[in-house]
Amino acid sequence: MGDTYWLALAEDNSIPRPEPDTERGFWPMYHNASPVIVPTDEGDDALCLFSTEGGVISYLRRAEQEGLIGGAKAFSISGREGFRELLARYPVHYVVVDRTHGQAEDTSVTVEEFLDGLED
């Protein structure tokens, strides 16, 4: 299974749910959240990941309390292939692991460095 990390997702509940497909008889897929992106010192985007579920929950609760996001979800992802699929949808060049909310220090690494450190 490889290394597992938790992805911080910010919800956007202003997006209306799609109408059900009456011909097929089921609700369409609905995802109203996107990954939390934080800036590096150089101003580039970095994907915010956590090594524990508790870490991501704590970070997201604090962001919600401060009104920075309206809602939050945590999503587990593991292995190089899982991250490659994610990065195909959300192209960033940097990753930050276990960021502390409000942290000023840039602890980002390149996506390549992060992927090289993963077990398959």
PDB file of N, CA and C in Angstrom:
ATOM      1  N   MET A   1       0.818  -1.188   0.000  1.00  0.00           N
ATOM      2  CA  MET A   1       0.000   0.000   0.000  1.00  0.00           C
ATOM      3  C   MET A   1       0.863   1.255   0.000  1.00  0.00           C
ATOM      4  N   GLY A   2       2.020   1.237   0.618  1.00  0.00           N
ATOM      5  CA  GLY A   2       2.906   2.393   0.601  1.00  0.00           C
ATOM      6  C   GLY A   2       2.576   3.405   1.677  1.00  0.00           C
ATOM      7  N   ASP A   3       3.266   4.526   1.606  1.00  0.00           N
ATOM      8  CA  ASP A   3       3.059   5.616   2.562  1.00  0.00           C
ATOM      9  C   ASP A   3       1.672   6.224   2.385  1.00  0.00           C
ATOM     10  N   THR A   4       1.006   6.483   3.509  1.00  0.00           N
ATOM     11  CA  THR A   4      -0.305   7.129   3.466  1.00  0.00           C
ATOM     12  C   THR A   4      -0.193   8.527   4.045  1.00  0.00           C
ATOM     13  N   TYR A   5      -0.785   9.484   3.349  1.00  0.00           N
ATOM     14  CA  TYR A   5      -0.854  10.869   3.800  1.00  0.00           C
ATOM     15  C   TYR A   5      -2.299  11.303   3.732  1.00  0.00           C
ATOM     16  N   TRP A   6      -2.586  12.391   4.422  1.00  0.00           N
ATOM     17  CA  TRP A   6      -3.930  12.956   4.438  1.00  0.00           C
ATOM     18  C   TRP A   6      -3.898  14.282   3.714  1.00  0.00           C
ATOM     19  N   LEU A   7      -4.814  14.451   2.784  1.00  0.00           N
ATOM     20  CA  LEU A   7      -4.939  15.652   1.995  1.00  0.00           C
ATOM     21  C   LEU A   7      -5.994  16.549   2.632  1.00  0.00           C
ATOM     22  N   ALA A   8      -5.663  17.805   2.839  1.00  0.00           N
ATOM     23  CA  ALA A   8      -6.606  18.782   3.382  1.00  0.00           C
ATOM     24  C   ALA A   8      -7.446  19.333   2.242  1.00  0.00           C
ATOM     25  N   LEU A   9      -8.771  19.259   2.386  1.00  0.00           N
ATOM     26  CA  LEU A   9      -9.690  19.754   1.360  1.00  0.00           C
ATOM     27  C   LEU A   9     -10.590  20.833   1.934  1.00  0.00           C
ATOM     28  N   ALA A  10     -10.715  21.938   1.225  1.00  0.00           N
ATOM     29  CA  ALA A  10     -11.614  23.018   1.615  1.00  0.00           C
ATOM     30  C   ALA A  10     -12.892  22.887   0.800  1.00  0.00           C
ATOM     31  N   GLU A  11     -14.038  22.877   1.493  1.00  0.00           N
ATOM     32  CA  GLU A  11     -15.330  22.743   0.825  1.00  0.00           C
ATOM     33  C   GLU A  11     -15.829  24.085   0.313  1.00  0.00           C
ATOM     34  N   ASP A  12     -16.575  24.026  -0.770  1.00  0.00           N
ATOM     35  CA  ASP A  12     -17.245  25.209  -1.299  1.00  0.00           C
ATOM     36  C   ASP A  12     -18.725  24.867  -1.425  1.00  0.00           C
ATOM     37  N   ASN A  13     -19.494  25.156  -0.385  1.00  0.00           N
ATOM     38  CA  ASN A  13     -20.910  24.807  -0.370  1.00  0.00           C
ATOM     39  C   ASN A  13     -21.781  25.771  -1.160  1.00  0.00           C
ATOM     40  N   SER A  14     -21.167  26.753  -1.808  1.00  0.00           N
ATOM     41  CA  SER A  14     -21.946  27.660  -2.648  1.00  0.00           C
ATOM     42  C   SER A  14     -22.259  27.024  -4.004  1.00  0.00           C
ATOM     43  N   ILE A  15     -21.590  25.927  -4.317  1.00  0.00           N
ATOM     44  CA  ILE A  15     -21.830  25.238  -5.586  1.00  0.00           C
ATOM     45  C   ILE A  15     -23.094  24.391  -5.435  1.00  0.00           C
ATOM     46  N   PRO A  16     -24.108  24.648  -6.242  1.00  0.00           N
ATOM     47  CA  PRO A  16     -25.348  23.874  -6.096  1.00  0.00           C
ATOM     48  C   PRO A  16     -25.161  22.419  -6.542  1.00  0.00           C
ATOM     49  N   ARG A  17     -25.883  21.527  -5.863  1.00  0.00           N
ATOM     50  CA  ARG A  17     -25.866  20.117  -6.256  1.00  0.00           C
ATOM     51  C   ARG A  17     -26.501  19.974  -7.629  1.00  0.00           C
ATOM     52  N   PRO A  18     -25.965  19.091  -8.464  1.00  0.00           N
ATOM     53  CA  PRO A  18     -26.595  18.861  -9.762  1.00  0.00           C
ATOM     54  C   PRO A  18     -27.927  18.132  -9.601  1.00  0.00           C
ATOM     55  N   GLU A  19     -28.798  18.322 -10.552  1.00  0.00           N
ATOM     56  CA  GLU A  19     -30.094  17.641 -10.542  1.00  0.00           C
ATOM     57  C   GLU A  19     -29.886  16.152 -10.837  1.00  0.00           C
ATOM     58  N   PRO A  20     -30.760  15.297 -10.301  1.00  0.00           N
ATOM     59  CA  PRO A  20     -30.628  13.872 -10.590  1.00  0.00           C
ATOM     60  C   PRO A  20     -30.918  13.585 -12.059  1.00  0.00           C
ATOM     61  N   ASP A  21     -30.288  12.551 -12.564  1.00  0.00           N
ATOM     62  CA  ASP A  21     -30.520  12.119 -13.935  1.00  0.00           C
ATOM     63  C   ASP A  21     -31.727  11.177 -13.921  1.00  0.00           C
ATOM     64  N   THR A  22     -32.891  11.695 -14.296  1.00  0.00           N
ATOM     65  CA  THR A  22     -34.130  10.902 -14.207  1.00  0.00           C
ATOM     66  C   THR A  22     -34.136   9.748 -15.201  1.00  0.00           C
ATOM     67  N   GLU A  23     -33.438   9.880 -16.308  1.00  0.00           N
ATOM     68  CA  GLU A  23     -33.395   8.790 -17.285  1.00  0.00           C
ATOM     69  C   GLU A  23     -32.606   7.596 -16.757  1.00  0.00           C
ATOM     70  N   ARG A  24     -31.542   7.862 -16.034  1.00  0.00           N
ATOM     71  CA  ARG A  24     -30.702   6.784 -15.513  1.00  0.00           C
ATOM     72  C   ARG A  24     -31.102   6.384 -14.096  1.00  0.00           C
ATOM     73  N   GLY A  25     -31.787   7.276 -13.396  1.00  0.00           N
ATOM     74  CA  GLY A  25     -32.277   6.952 -12.067  1.00  0.00           C
ATOM     75  C   GLY A  25     -31.269   7.065 -10.942  1.00  0.00           C
ATOM     76  N   PHE A  26     -30.230   7.888 -11.098  1.00  0.00           N
ATOM     77  CA  PHE A  26     -29.287   8.075  -9.996  1.00  0.00           C
ATOM     78  C   PHE A  26     -28.757   9.503  -9.980  1.00  0.00           C
ATOM     79  N   TRP A  27     -28.217   9.871  -8.823  1.00  0.00           N
ATOM     80  CA  TRP A  27     -27.621  11.202  -8.665  1.00  0.00           C
ATOM     81  C   TRP A  27     -26.228  11.206  -9.285  1.00  0.00           C
ATOM     82  N   PRO A  28     -25.860  12.277  -9.975  1.00  0.00           N
ATOM     83  CA  PRO A  28     -24.506  12.366 -10.522  1.00  0.00           C
ATOM     84  C   PRO A  28     -23.483  12.555  -9.404  1.00  0.00           C
ATOM     85  N   MET A  29     -22.242  12.230  -9.709  1.00  0.00           N
ATOM     86  CA  MET A  29     -21.159  12.445  -8.742  1.00  0.00           C
ATOM     87  C   MET A  29     -21.099  13.928  -8.389  1.00  0.00           C
ATOM     88  N   TYR A  30     -20.817  14.215  -7.132  1.00  0.00           N
ATOM     89  CA  TYR A  30     -20.791  15.595  -6.666  1.00  0.00           C
ATOM     90  C   TYR A  30     -19.636  15.756  -5.704  1.00  0.00           C
ATOM     91  N   HIS A  31     -18.709  16.605  -6.059  1.00  0.00           N
ATOM     92  CA  HIS A  31     -17.559  16.855  -5.199  1.00  0.00           C
ATOM     93  C   HIS A  31     -17.381  18.361  -5.119  1.00  0.00           C
ATOM     94  N   ASN A  32     -17.552  18.918  -3.946  1.00  0.00           N
ATOM     95  CA  ASN A  32     -17.508  20.369  -3.792  1.00  0.00           C
ATOM     96  C   ASN A  32     -16.324  20.824  -2.954  1.00  0.00           C
ATOM     97  N   ALA A  33     -15.208  20.138  -3.083  1.00  0.00           N
ATOM     98  CA  ALA A  33     -14.029  20.497  -2.293  1.00  0.00           C
ATOM     99  C   ALA A  33     -12.793  20.478  -3.188  1.00  0.00           C
ATOM    100  N   SER A  34     -11.815  21.278  -2.806  1.00  0.00           N
ATOM    101  CA  SER A  34     -10.546  21.290  -3.530  1.00  0.00           C
ATOM    102  C   SER A  34      -9.411  21.297  -2.507  1.00  0.00           C
ATOM    103  N   PRO A  35      -8.243  20.811  -2.907  1.00  0.00           N
ATOM    104  CA  PRO A  35      -7.118  20.730  -1.973  1.00  0.00           C
ATOM    105  C   PRO A  35      -6.701  22.097  -1.439  1.00  0.00           C
ATOM    106  N   VAL A  36      -6.260  22.100  -0.192  1.00  0.00           N
ATOM    107  CA  VAL A  36      -5.716  23.322   0.401  1.00  0.00           C
ATOM    108  C   VAL A  36      -4.326  23.543  -0.183  1.00  0.00           C
ATOM    109  N   ILE A  37      -4.131  24.720  -0.741  1.00  0.00           N
ATOM    110  CA  ILE A  37      -2.864  25.113  -1.347  1.00  0.00           C
ATOM    111  C   ILE A  37      -2.292  26.250  -0.500  1.00  0.00           C
ATOM    112  N   VAL A  38      -1.015  26.161  -0.157  1.00  0.00           N
ATOM    113  CA  VAL A  38      -0.356  27.213   0.621  1.00  0.00           C
ATOM    114  C   VAL A  38       0.811  27.757  -0.193  1.00  0.00           C
ATOM    115  N   PRO A  39       1.181  29.016   0.027  1.00  0.00           N
ATOM    116  CA  PRO A  39       2.283  29.592  -0.750  1.00  0.00           C
ATOM    117  C   PRO A  39       3.655  29.215  -0.181  1.00  0.00           C
ATOM    118  N   THR A  40       4.614  29.051  -1.085  1.00  0.00           N
ATOM    119  CA  THR A  40       6.013  28.902  -0.672  1.00  0.00           C
ATOM    120  C   THR A  40       6.597  30.306  -0.508  1.00  0.00           C
ATOM    121  N   ASP A  41       7.818  30.400  -0.021  1.00  0.00           N
ATOM    122  CA  ASP A  41       8.463  31.711   0.121  1.00  0.00           C
ATOM    123  C   ASP A  41       8.598  32.432  -1.215  1.00  0.00           C
ATOM    124  N   GLU A  42       8.714  31.663  -2.294  1.00  0.00           N
ATOM    125  CA  GLU A  42       8.869  32.255  -3.617  1.00  0.00           C
ATOM    126  C   GLU A  42       7.522  32.589  -4.265  1.00  0.00           C
ATOM    127  N   GLY A  43       6.421  32.271  -3.576  1.00  0.00           N
ATOM    128  CA  GLY A  43       5.096  32.566  -4.097  1.00  0.00           C
ATOM    129  C   GLY A  43       4.497  31.453  -4.936  1.00  0.00           C
ATOM    130  N   ASP A  44       5.157  30.314  -5.020  1.00  0.00           N
ATOM    131  CA  ASP A  44       4.607  29.171  -5.751  1.00  0.00           C
ATOM    132  C   ASP A  44       3.564  28.466  -4.895  1.00  0.00           C
ATOM    133  N   ASP A  45       2.719  27.673  -5.537  1.00  0.00           N
ATOM    134  CA  ASP A  45       1.704  26.895  -4.832  1.00  0.00           C
ATOM    135  C   ASP A  45       2.280  25.583  -4.324  1.00  0.00           C
ATOM    136  N   ALA A  46       1.909  25.232  -3.084  1.00  0.00           N
ATOM    137  CA  ALA A  46       2.325  23.956  -2.497  1.00  0.00           C
ATOM    138  C   ALA A  46       1.091  23.233  -1.974  1.00  0.00           C
ATOM    139  N   LEU A  47       1.001  21.951  -2.271  1.00  0.00           N
ATOM    140  CA  LEU A  47      -0.082  21.098  -1.798  1.00  0.00           C
ATOM    141  C   LEU A  47       0.132  20.801  -0.327  1.00  0.00           C
ATOM    142  N   CYS A  48      -0.908  20.943   0.475  1.00  0.00           N
ATOM    143  CA  CYS A  48      -0.827  20.781   1.925  1.00  0.00           C
ATOM    144  C   CYS A  48      -1.210  19.346   2.302  1.00  0.00           C
ATOM    145  N   LEU A  49      -0.236  18.551   2.784  1.00  0.00           N
ATOM    146  CA  LEU A  49      -0.440  17.154   3.175  1.00  0.00           C
ATOM    147  C   LEU A  49      -0.077  16.950   4.635  1.00  0.00           C
ATOM    148  N   PHE A  50      -0.633  15.888   5.219  1.00  0.00           N
ATOM    149  CA  PHE A  50      -0.365  15.579   6.623  1.00  0.00           C
ATOM    150  C   PHE A  50      -0.067  14.093   6.768  1.00  0.00           C
ATOM    151  N   SER A  51       0.828  13.772   7.691  1.00  0.00           N
ATOM    152  CA  SER A  51       1.219  12.378   7.896  1.00  0.00           C
ATOM    153  C   SER A  51       0.254  11.624   8.804  1.00  0.00           C
ATOM    154  N   THR A  52      -0.651  12.352   9.485  1.00  0.00           N
ATOM    155  CA  THR A  52      -1.640  11.700  10.350  1.00  0.00           C
ATOM    156  C   THR A  52      -3.017  12.312  10.124  1.00  0.00           C
ATOM    157  N   GLU A  53      -4.040  11.520  10.374  1.00  0.00           N
ATOM    158  CA  GLU A  53      -5.405  12.018  10.261  1.00  0.00           C
ATOM    159  C   GLU A  53      -5.662  13.104  11.309  1.00  0.00           C
ATOM    160  N   GLY A  54      -5.133  12.915  12.511  1.00  0.00           N
ATOM    161  CA  GLY A  54      -5.294  13.915  13.566  1.00  0.00           C
ATOM    162  C   GLY A  54      -4.681  15.248  13.187  1.00  0.00           C
ATOM    163  N   GLY A  55      -3.542  15.214  12.503  1.00  0.00           N
ATOM    164  CA  GLY A  55      -2.881  16.450  12.080  1.00  0.00           C
ATOM    165  C   GLY A  55      -3.709  17.242  11.091  1.00  0.00           C
ATOM    166  N   VAL A  56      -4.293  16.549  10.122  1.00  0.00           N
ATOM    167  CA  VAL A  56      -5.108  17.249   9.125  1.00  0.00           C
ATOM    168  C   VAL A  56      -6.394  17.774   9.751  1.00  0.00           C
ATOM    169  N   ILE A  57      -6.999  17.007  10.644  1.00  0.00           N
ATOM    170  CA  ILE A  57      -8.230  17.456  11.300  1.00  0.00           C
ATOM    171  C   ILE A  57      -7.961  18.695  12.141  1.00  0.00           C
ATOM    172  N   SER A  58      -6.885  18.701  12.896  1.00  0.00           N
ATOM    173  CA  SER A  58      -6.531  19.852  13.719  1.00  0.00           C
ATOM    174  C   SER A  58      -6.302  21.092  12.857  1.00  0.00           C
ATOM    175  N   TYR A  59      -5.568  20.938  11.780  1.00  0.00           N
ATOM    176  CA  TYR A  59      -5.284  22.056  10.879  1.00  0.00           C
ATOM    177  C   TYR A  59      -6.575  22.617  10.287  1.00  0.00           C
ATOM    178  N   LEU A  60      -7.443  21.734   9.814  1.00  0.00           N
ATOM    179  CA  LEU A  60      -8.679  22.180   9.178  1.00  0.00           C
ATOM    180  C   LEU A  60      -9.640  22.819  10.175  1.00  0.00           C
ATOM    181  N   ARG A  61      -9.736  22.281  11.380  1.00  0.00           N
ATOM    182  CA  ARG A  61     -10.608  22.895  12.403  1.00  0.00           C
ATOM    183  C   ARG A  61     -10.163  24.309  12.714  1.00  0.00           C
ATOM    184  N   ARG A  62      -8.871  24.499  12.832  1.00  0.00           N
ATOM    185  CA  ARG A  62      -8.352  25.842  13.126  1.00  0.00           C
ATOM    186  C   ARG A  62      -8.652  26.808  11.984  1.00  0.00           C
ATOM    187  N   ALA A  63      -8.486  26.357  10.749  1.00  0.00           N
ATOM    188  CA  ALA A  63      -8.787  27.203   9.588  1.00  0.00           C
ATOM    189  C   ALA A  63     -10.271  27.548   9.544  1.00  0.00           C
ATOM    190  N   GLU A  64     -11.129  26.583   9.900  1.00  0.00           N
ATOM    191  CA  GLU A  64     -12.575  26.858   9.954  1.00  0.00           C
ATOM    192  C   GLU A  64     -12.895  27.867  11.048  1.00  0.00           C
ATOM    193  N   GLN A  65     -12.301  27.695  12.239  1.00  0.00           N
ATOM    194  CA  GLN A  65     -12.559  28.606  13.354  1.00  0.00           C
ATOM    195  C   GLN A  65     -12.160  30.031  13.019  1.00  0.00           C
ATOM    196  N   GLU A  66     -11.102  30.195  12.253  1.00  0.00           N
ATOM    197  CA  GLU A  66     -10.639  31.528  11.878  1.00  0.00           C
ATOM    198  C   GLU A  66     -11.371  32.075  10.655  1.00  0.00           C
ATOM    199  N   GLY A  67     -12.310  31.299  10.116  1.00  0.00           N
ATOM    200  CA  GLY A  67     -13.089  31.754   8.981  1.00  0.00           C
ATOM    201  C   GLY A  67     -12.344  31.741   7.656  1.00  0.00           C
ATOM    202  N   LEU A  68     -11.232  31.034   7.589  1.00  0.00           N
ATOM    203  CA  LEU A  68     -10.462  30.987   6.351  1.00  0.00           C
ATOM    204  C   LEU A  68     -11.096  30.058   5.327  1.00  0.00           C
ATOM    205  N   ILE A  69     -11.810  29.056   5.819  1.00  0.00           N
ATOM    206  CA  ILE A  69     -12.556  28.149   4.944  1.00  0.00           C
ATOM    207  C   ILE A  69     -13.916  27.915   5.573  1.00  0.00           C
ATOM    208  N   GLY A  70     -14.907  27.641   4.732  1.00  0.00           N
ATOM    209  CA  GLY A  70     -16.264  27.455   5.224  1.00  0.00           C
ATOM    210  C   GLY A  70     -16.563  26.045   5.673  1.00  0.00           C
ATOM    211  N   GLY A  71     -15.818  25.096   5.220  1.00  0.00           N
ATOM    212  CA  GLY A  71     -15.998  23.703   5.577  1.00  0.00           C
ATOM    213  C   GLY A  71     -14.758  22.948   5.157  1.00  0.00           C
ATOM    214  N   ALA A  72     -14.627  21.725   5.643  1.00  0.00           N
ATOM    215  CA  ALA A  72     -13.399  20.995   5.354  1.00  0.00           C
ATOM    216  C   ALA A  72     -13.647  19.499   5.325  1.00  0.00           C
ATOM    217  N   LYS A  73     -12.775  18.817   4.608  1.00  0.00           N
ATOM    218  CA  LYS A  73     -12.760  17.361   4.543  1.00  0.00           C
ATOM    219  C   LYS A  73     -11.312  16.911   4.552  1.00  0.00           C
ATOM    220  N   ALA A  74     -11.110  15.687   4.973  1.00  0.00           N
ATOM    221  CA  ALA A  74      -9.780  15.077   4.898  1.00  0.00           C
ATOM    222  C   ALA A  74      -9.905  13.835   4.031  1.00  0.00           C
ATOM    223  N   PHE A  75      -8.907  13.597   3.209  1.00  0.00           N
ATOM    224  CA  PHE A  75      -8.934  12.484   2.274  1.00  0.00           C
ATOM    225  C   PHE A  75      -7.583  11.778   2.331  1.00  0.00           C
ATOM    226  N   SER A  76      -7.601  10.467   2.537  1.00  0.00           N
ATOM    227  CA  SER A  76      -6.323   9.747   2.585  1.00  0.00           C
ATOM    228  C   SER A  76      -5.900   9.357   1.174  1.00  0.00           C
ATOM    229  N   ILE A  77      -4.599   9.377   0.967  1.00  0.00           N
ATOM    230  CA  ILE A  77      -4.028   9.017  -0.327  1.00  0.00           C
ATOM    231  C   ILE A  77      -2.692   8.344  -0.065  1.00  0.00           C
ATOM    232  N   SER A  78      -2.374   7.334  -0.859  1.00  0.00           N
ATOM    233  CA  SER A  78      -1.121   6.619  -0.615  1.00  0.00           C
ATOM    234  C   SER A  78      -0.479   6.159  -1.913  1.00  0.00           C
ATOM    235  N   GLY A  79       0.820   5.929  -1.829  1.00  0.00           N
ATOM    236  CA  GLY A  79       1.583   5.406  -2.946  1.00  0.00           C
ATOM    237  C   GLY A  79       1.855   6.416  -4.040  1.00  0.00           C
ATOM    238  N   ARG A  80       2.930   6.175  -4.775  1.00  0.00           N
ATOM    239  CA  ARG A  80       3.304   7.084  -5.860  1.00  0.00           C
ATOM    240  C   ARG A  80       2.197   7.237  -6.904  1.00  0.00           C
ATOM    241  N   GLU A  81       1.570   6.123  -7.269  1.00  0.00           N
ATOM    242  CA  GLU A  81       0.535   6.181  -8.309  1.00  0.00           C
ATOM    243  C   GLU A  81      -0.655   7.034  -7.861  1.00  0.00           C
ATOM    244  N   GLY A  82      -1.069   6.893  -6.604  1.00  0.00           N
ATOM    245  CA  GLY A  82      -2.158   7.711  -6.085  1.00  0.00           C
ATOM    246  C   GLY A  82      -1.830   9.192  -6.137  1.00  0.00           C
ATOM    247  N   PHE A  83      -0.597   9.536  -5.786  1.00  0.00           N
ATOM    248  CA  PHE A  83      -0.197  10.944  -5.826  1.00  0.00           C
ATOM    249  C   PHE A  83      -0.058  11.438  -7.257  1.00  0.00           C
ATOM    250  N   ARG A  84       0.421  10.595  -8.150  1.00  0.00           N
ATOM    251  CA  ARG A  84       0.515  11.012  -9.560  1.00  0.00           C
ATOM    252  C   ARG A  84      -0.877  11.317 -10.125  1.00  0.00           C
ATOM    253  N   GLU A  85      -1.868  10.494  -9.772  1.00  0.00           N
ATOM    254  CA  GLU A  85      -3.244  10.754 -10.227  1.00  0.00           C
ATOM    255  C   GLU A  85      -3.759  12.074  -9.669  1.00  0.00           C
ATOM    256  N   LEU A  86      -3.499  12.331  -8.379  1.00  0.00           N
ATOM    257  CA  LEU A  86      -3.918  13.588  -7.764  1.00  0.00           C
ATOM    258  C   LEU A  86      -3.236  14.774  -8.425  1.00  0.00           C
ATOM    259  N   LEU A  87      -1.940  14.665  -8.643  1.00  0.00           N
ATOM    260  CA  LEU A  87      -1.177  15.780  -9.214  1.00  0.00           C
ATOM    261  C   LEU A  87      -1.521  16.027 -10.681  1.00  0.00           C
ATOM    262  N   ALA A  88      -2.092  15.049 -11.344  1.00  0.00           N
ATOM    263  CA  ALA A  88      -2.561  15.268 -12.715  1.00  0.00           C
ATOM    264  C   ALA A  88      -3.781  16.194 -12.701  1.00  0.00           C
ATOM    265  N   ARG A  89      -4.579  16.137 -11.631  1.00  0.00           N
ATOM    266  CA  ARG A  89      -5.778  16.987 -11.512  1.00  0.00           C
ATOM    267  C   ARG A  89      -5.458  18.348 -10.915  1.00  0.00           C
ATOM    268  N   TYR A  90      -4.492  18.390 -10.017  1.00  0.00           N
ATOM    269  CA  TYR A  90      -4.115  19.620  -9.318  1.00  0.00           C
ATOM    270  C   TYR A  90      -2.608  19.826  -9.471  1.00  0.00           C
ATOM    271  N   PRO A  91      -2.191  20.350 -10.618  1.00  0.00           N
ATOM    272  CA  PRO A  91      -0.752  20.473 -10.872  1.00  0.00           C
ATOM    273  C   PRO A  91      -0.085  21.549 -10.000  1.00  0.00           C
ATOM    274  N   VAL A  92       0.743  21.115  -9.095  1.00  0.00           N
ATOM    275  CA  VAL A  92       1.570  22.000  -8.278  1.00  0.00           C
ATOM    276  C   VAL A  92       3.000  21.493  -8.382  1.00  0.00           C
ATOM    277  N   HIS A  93       3.945  22.335  -7.997  1.00  0.00           N
ATOM    278  CA  HIS A  93       5.352  21.944  -8.076  1.00  0.00           C
ATOM    279  C   HIS A  93       5.961  21.663  -6.709  1.00  0.00           C
ATOM    280  N   TYR A  94       5.187  21.971  -5.648  1.00  0.00           N
ATOM    281  CA  TYR A  94       5.713  21.805  -4.297  1.00  0.00           C
ATOM    282  C   TYR A  94       4.694  21.118  -3.395  1.00  0.00           C
ATOM    283  N   VAL A  95       5.202  20.516  -2.324  1.00  0.00           N
ATOM    284  CA  VAL A  95       4.388  19.854  -1.315  1.00  0.00           C
ATOM    285  C   VAL A  95       4.875  20.316   0.051  1.00  0.00           C
ATOM    286  N   VAL A  96       3.935  20.550   0.967  1.00  0.00           N
ATOM    287  CA  VAL A  96       4.263  20.850   2.357  1.00  0.00           C
ATOM    288  C   VAL A  96       3.622  19.756   3.205  1.00  0.00           C
ATOM    289  N   VAL A  97       4.420  19.113   4.060  1.00  0.00           N
ATOM    290  CA  VAL A  97       3.917  18.035   4.911  1.00  0.00           C
ATOM    291  C   VAL A  97       3.875  18.515   6.360  1.00  0.00           C
ATOM    292  N   ASP A  98       2.741  18.256   7.020  1.00  0.00           N
ATOM    293  CA  ASP A  98       2.547  18.569   8.441  1.00  0.00           C
ATOM    294  C   ASP A  98       2.746  20.053   8.753  1.00  0.00           C
ATOM    295  N   ARG A  99       2.145  20.879   7.952  1.00  0.00           N
ATOM    296  CA  ARG A  99       2.204  22.333   8.183  1.00  0.00           C
ATOM    297  C   ARG A  99       1.404  22.680   9.431  1.00  0.00           C
ATOM    298  N   THR A 100       1.921  23.577  10.219  1.00  0.00           N
ATOM    299  CA  THR A 100       1.209  24.109  11.372  1.00  0.00           C
ATOM    300  C   THR A 100       0.417  25.315  10.898  1.00  0.00           C
ATOM    301  N   HIS A 101      -0.845  25.412  11.323  1.00  0.00           N
ATOM    302  CA  HIS A 101      -1.676  26.531  10.892  1.00  0.00           C
ATOM    303  C   HIS A 101      -1.016  27.848  11.283  1.00  0.00           C
ATOM    304  N   GLY A 102      -0.912  28.748  10.318  1.00  0.00           N
ATOM    305  CA  GLY A 102      -0.304  30.047  10.570  1.00  0.00           C
ATOM    306  C   GLY A 102       1.215  30.034  10.500  1.00  0.00           C
ATOM    307  N   GLN A 103       1.800  28.904  10.147  1.00  0.00           N
ATOM    308  CA  GLN A 103       3.256  28.762  10.088  1.00  0.00           C
ATOM    309  C   GLN A 103       3.835  29.682   9.029  1.00  0.00           C
ATOM    310  N   ALA A 104       4.862  30.410   9.370  1.00  0.00           N
ATOM    311  CA  ALA A 104       5.491  31.330   8.430  1.00  0.00           C
ATOM    312  C   ALA A 104       6.670  30.678   7.716  1.00  0.00           C
ATOM    313  N   GLU A 105       7.329  29.744   8.360  1.00  0.00           N
ATOM    314  CA  GLU A 105       8.507  29.104   7.778  1.00  0.00           C
ATOM    315  C   GLU A 105       8.106  28.213   6.603  1.00  0.00           C
ATOM    316  N   ASP A 106       8.833  28.346   5.492  1.00  0.00           N
ATOM    317  CA  ASP A 106       8.570  27.538   4.304  1.00  0.00           C
ATOM    318  C   ASP A 106       9.277  26.190   4.456  1.00  0.00           C
ATOM    319  N   THR A 107       8.502  25.122   4.553  1.00  0.00           N
ATOM    320  CA  THR A 107       9.066  23.776   4.687  1.00  0.00           C
ATOM    321  C   THR A 107       8.740  22.926   3.460  1.00  0.00           C
ATOM    322  N   SER A 108       8.487  23.583   2.337  1.00  0.00           N
ATOM    323  CA  SER A 108       8.080  22.869   1.135  1.00  0.00           C
ATOM    324  C   SER A 108       9.239  22.121   0.498  1.00  0.00           C
ATOM    325  N   VAL A 109       8.872  21.051  -0.198  1.00  0.00           N
ATOM    326  CA  VAL A 109       9.821  20.290  -1.019  1.00  0.00           C
ATOM    327  C   VAL A 109       9.202  20.172  -2.405  1.00  0.00           C
ATOM    328  N   THR A 110      10.034  19.906  -3.395  1.00  0.00           N
ATOM    329  CA  THR A 110       9.482  19.741  -4.735  1.00  0.00           C
ATOM    330  C   THR A 110       8.676  18.444  -4.798  1.00  0.00           C
ATOM    331  N   VAL A 111       7.746  18.402  -5.731  1.00  0.00           N
ATOM    332  CA  VAL A 111       6.941  17.198  -5.922  1.00  0.00           C
ATOM    333  C   VAL A 111       7.853  16.005  -6.209  1.00  0.00           C
ATOM    334  N   GLU A 112       8.886  16.212  -7.003  1.00  0.00           N
ATOM    335  CA  GLU A 112       9.818  15.122  -7.331  1.00  0.00           C
ATOM    336  C   GLU A 112      10.489  14.571  -6.081  1.00  0.00           C
ATOM    337  N   GLU A 113      10.949  15.467  -5.199  1.00  0.00           N
ATOM    338  CA  GLU A 113      11.572  15.029  -3.945  1.00  0.00           C
ATOM    339  C   GLU A 113      10.578  14.233  -3.100  1.00  0.00           C
ATOM    340  N   PHE A 114       9.347  14.722  -3.020  1.00  0.00           N
ATOM    341  CA  PHE A 114       8.328  14.048  -2.240  1.00  0.00           C
ATOM    342  C   PHE A 114       8.050  12.651  -2.800  1.00  0.00           C
ATOM    343  N   LEU A 115       7.838  12.552  -4.113  1.00  0.00           N
ATOM    344  CA  LEU A 115       7.541  11.264  -4.735  1.00  0.00           C
ATOM    345  C   LEU A 115       8.712  10.280  -4.592  1.00  0.00           C
ATOM    346  N   ASP A 116       9.942  10.791  -4.686  1.00  0.00           N
ATOM    347  CA  ASP A 116      11.125   9.929  -4.529  1.00  0.00           C
ATOM    348  C   ASP A 116      11.174   9.308  -3.129  1.00  0.00           C
ATOM    349  N   GLY A 117      10.652  10.008  -2.137  1.00  0.00           N
ATOM    350  CA  GLY A 117      10.681   9.515  -0.756  1.00  0.00           C
ATOM    351  C   GLY A 117       9.567   8.536  -0.416  1.00  0.00           C
ATOM    352  N   LEU A 118       8.615   8.340  -1.329  1.00  0.00           N
ATOM    353  CA  LEU A 118       7.493   7.445  -1.068  1.00  0.00           C
ATOM    354  C   LEU A 118       7.843   5.988  -1.332  1.00  0.00           C
ATOM    355  N   GLU A 119       7.234   5.113  -0.559  1.00  0.00           N
ATOM    356  CA  GLU A 119       7.320   3.687  -0.831  1.00  0.00           C
ATOM    357  C   GLU A 119       6.148   3.333  -1.736  1.00  0.00           C
ATOM    358  N   ASP A 120       6.350   2.339  -2.596  1.00  0.00           N
ATOM    359  CA  ASP A 120       5.248   1.912  -3.479  1.00  0.00           C
ATOM    360  C   ASP A 120       4.281   1.028  -2.763  1.00  0.00           C
TER     361      ASP A 120
END
